[in-house]
Amino acid sequence: MNYDKLEFEYFIEGEYVQNAPAFTGYNSGVMLHAQRDNSMTFNQRFPMSLEMQLLGNGGVIRNNFTGNLCTPAHRCI
């Protein structure tokens, strides 16, 4: 079992990229654990990973974060 501690402050600022998908605005994240690159398939766009999502609110500072389990092309039971 691993034990990790990550502590930081963040601020998301600036303008949206023109024609970017709506979900990308004020959205960032930290990938905590991921599968090894040599185990990914050729057409796999993202590794199976555990990611902490960091959400901004149009330049307003707030503590709003959510944890996500990213499992492209896999089902988690």
C-alpha atoms as a PDB file:
ATOM      1  CA  MET A   1       0.000   0.000   0.000  1.00  0.00           C
ATOM      2  CA  ASN A   2       1.244   3.470  -0.873  1.00  0.00           C
ATOM      3  CA  TYR A   3       0.801   6.605   1.153  1.00  0.00           C
ATOM      4  CA  ASP A   4       1.023   9.905  -0.672  1.00  0.00           C
ATOM      5  CA  LYS A   5       0.536  13.442   0.539  1.00  0.00           C
ATOM      6  CA  LEU A   6       0.237  16.313  -1.901  1.00  0.00           C
ATOM      7  CA  GLU A   7      -0.309  19.871  -0.751  1.00  0.00           C
ATOM      8  CA  PHE A   8      -0.380  22.996  -2.908  1.00  0.00           C
ATOM      9  CA  GLU A   9      -2.336  26.130  -3.722  1.00  0.00           C
ATOM     10  CA  TYR A  10      -3.729  26.811  -7.153  1.00  0.00           C
ATOM     11  CA  PHE A  11      -5.406  29.605  -9.040  1.00  0.00           C
ATOM     12  CA  ILE A  12      -6.889  29.251 -12.503  1.00  0.00           C
ATOM     13  CA  GLU A  13      -6.957  32.474 -14.490  1.00  0.00           C
ATOM     14  CA  GLY A  14      -7.073  33.734 -18.034  1.00  0.00           C
ATOM     15  CA  GLU A  15      -9.455  33.402 -20.939  1.00  0.00           C
ATOM     16  CA  TYR A  16     -11.015  30.340 -22.510  1.00  0.00           C
ATOM     17  CA  VAL A  17      -9.360  29.024 -25.636  1.00  0.00           C
ATOM     18  CA  GLN A  18     -11.630  29.881 -28.560  1.00  0.00           C
ATOM     19  CA  ASN A  19     -13.837  26.930 -29.674  1.00  0.00           C
ATOM     20  CA  ALA A  20     -12.595  24.710 -26.821  1.00  0.00           C
ATOM     21  CA  PRO A  21     -15.110  22.228 -25.339  1.00  0.00           C
ATOM     22  CA  ALA A  22     -17.096  23.755 -22.464  1.00  0.00           C
ATOM     23  CA  PHE A  23     -15.785  21.229 -19.908  1.00  0.00           C
ATOM     24  CA  THR A  24     -12.212  22.483 -20.374  1.00  0.00           C
ATOM     25  CA  GLY A  25     -12.840  25.949 -18.967  1.00  0.00           C
ATOM     26  CA  TYR A  26     -11.273  26.525 -15.560  1.00  0.00           C
ATOM     27  CA  ASN A  27     -10.502  22.817 -15.315  1.00  0.00           C
ATOM     28  CA  SER A  28      -7.140  21.315 -14.410  1.00  0.00           C
ATOM     29  CA  GLY A  29      -5.879  18.321 -12.494  1.00  0.00           C
ATOM     30  CA  VAL A  30      -3.103  16.236 -11.007  1.00  0.00           C
ATOM     31  CA  MET A  31      -2.546  12.626 -12.097  1.00  0.00           C
ATOM     32  CA  LEU A  32      -1.631  10.748  -8.916  1.00  0.00           C
ATOM     33  CA  HIS A  33      -1.212   7.173 -10.147  1.00  0.00           C
ATOM     34  CA  ALA A  34      -1.264   5.813 -13.695  1.00  0.00           C
ATOM     35  CA  GLN A  35      -0.558   2.624 -15.579  1.00  0.00           C
ATOM     36  CA  ARG A  36       2.897   2.169 -17.073  1.00  0.00           C
ATOM     37  CA  ASP A  37       3.277   3.583 -20.571  1.00  0.00           C
ATOM     38  CA  ASN A  38       4.565   0.268 -21.951  1.00  0.00           C
ATOM     39  CA  SER A  39       1.293  -1.429 -20.946  1.00  0.00           C
ATOM     40  CA  MET A  40      -0.905   0.967 -22.938  1.00  0.00           C
ATOM     41  CA  THR A  41      -2.381  -0.117 -26.248  1.00  0.00           C
ATOM     42  CA  PHE A  42      -1.414   1.712 -29.434  1.00  0.00           C
ATOM     43  CA  ASN A  43      -4.774   3.479 -29.819  1.00  0.00           C
ATOM     44  CA  GLN A  44      -5.322   4.150 -26.099  1.00  0.00           C
ATOM     45  CA  ARG A  45      -5.622   7.923 -25.699  1.00  0.00           C
ATOM     46  CA  PHE A  46      -5.186   8.122 -21.915  1.00  0.00           C
ATOM     47  CA  PRO A  47      -3.705   5.812 -19.279  1.00  0.00           C
ATOM     48  CA  MET A  48      -5.889   4.204 -16.624  1.00  0.00           C
ATOM     49  CA  SER A  49      -5.283   6.578 -13.777  1.00  0.00           C
ATOM     50  CA  LEU A  50      -6.396   8.165 -10.549  1.00  0.00           C
ATOM     51  CA  GLU A  51      -6.722  11.903 -10.979  1.00  0.00           C
ATOM     52  CA  MET A  52      -7.648  14.753  -8.663  1.00  0.00           C
ATOM     53  CA  GLN A  53      -9.627  17.325 -10.609  1.00  0.00           C
ATOM     54  CA  LEU A  54      -9.160  21.010  -9.773  1.00  0.00           C
ATOM     55  CA  LEU A  55     -12.026  23.277 -10.765  1.00  0.00           C
ATOM     56  CA  GLY A  56     -12.002  27.042 -10.934  1.00  0.00           C
ATOM     57  CA  ASN A  57     -14.984  29.369 -10.989  1.00  0.00           C
ATOM     58  CA  GLY A  58     -14.335  32.050 -13.567  1.00  0.00           C
ATOM     59  CA  GLY A  59     -11.373  33.484 -11.676  1.00  0.00           C
ATOM     60  CA  VAL A  60     -13.061  33.319  -8.255  1.00  0.00           C
ATOM     61  CA  ILE A  61     -10.931  31.482  -5.690  1.00  0.00           C
ATOM     62  CA  ARG A  62     -12.745  28.642  -3.932  1.00  0.00           C
ATOM     63  CA  ASN A  63     -11.976  25.216  -2.549  1.00  0.00           C
ATOM     64  CA  ASN A  64     -13.805  23.077  -5.071  1.00  0.00           C
ATOM     65  CA  PHE A  65     -12.166  19.828  -6.094  1.00  0.00           C
ATOM     66  CA  THR A  66     -13.376  16.376  -6.975  1.00  0.00           C
ATOM     67  CA  GLY A  67     -11.625  13.028  -7.310  1.00  0.00           C
ATOM     68  CA  ASN A  68     -12.028  11.060 -10.499  1.00  0.00           C
ATOM     69  CA  LEU A  69     -11.064   7.534 -11.461  1.00  0.00           C
ATOM     70  CA  CYS A  70     -10.171   7.579 -15.165  1.00  0.00           C
ATOM     71  CA  THR A  71     -10.455   4.157 -16.791  1.00  0.00           C
ATOM     72  CA  PRO A  72     -10.584   4.544 -20.594  1.00  0.00           C
ATOM     73  CA  ALA A  73     -12.009   1.445 -22.301  1.00  0.00           C
ATOM     74  CA  HIS A  74     -12.262  -0.391 -18.965  1.00  0.00           C
ATOM     75  CA  ARG A  75     -14.999  -0.990 -16.451  1.00  0.00           C
ATOM     76  CA  CYS A  76     -14.374  -0.580 -12.731  1.00  0.00           C
ATOM     77  CA  ILE A  77     -16.405  -2.822 -10.435  1.00  0.00           C
END
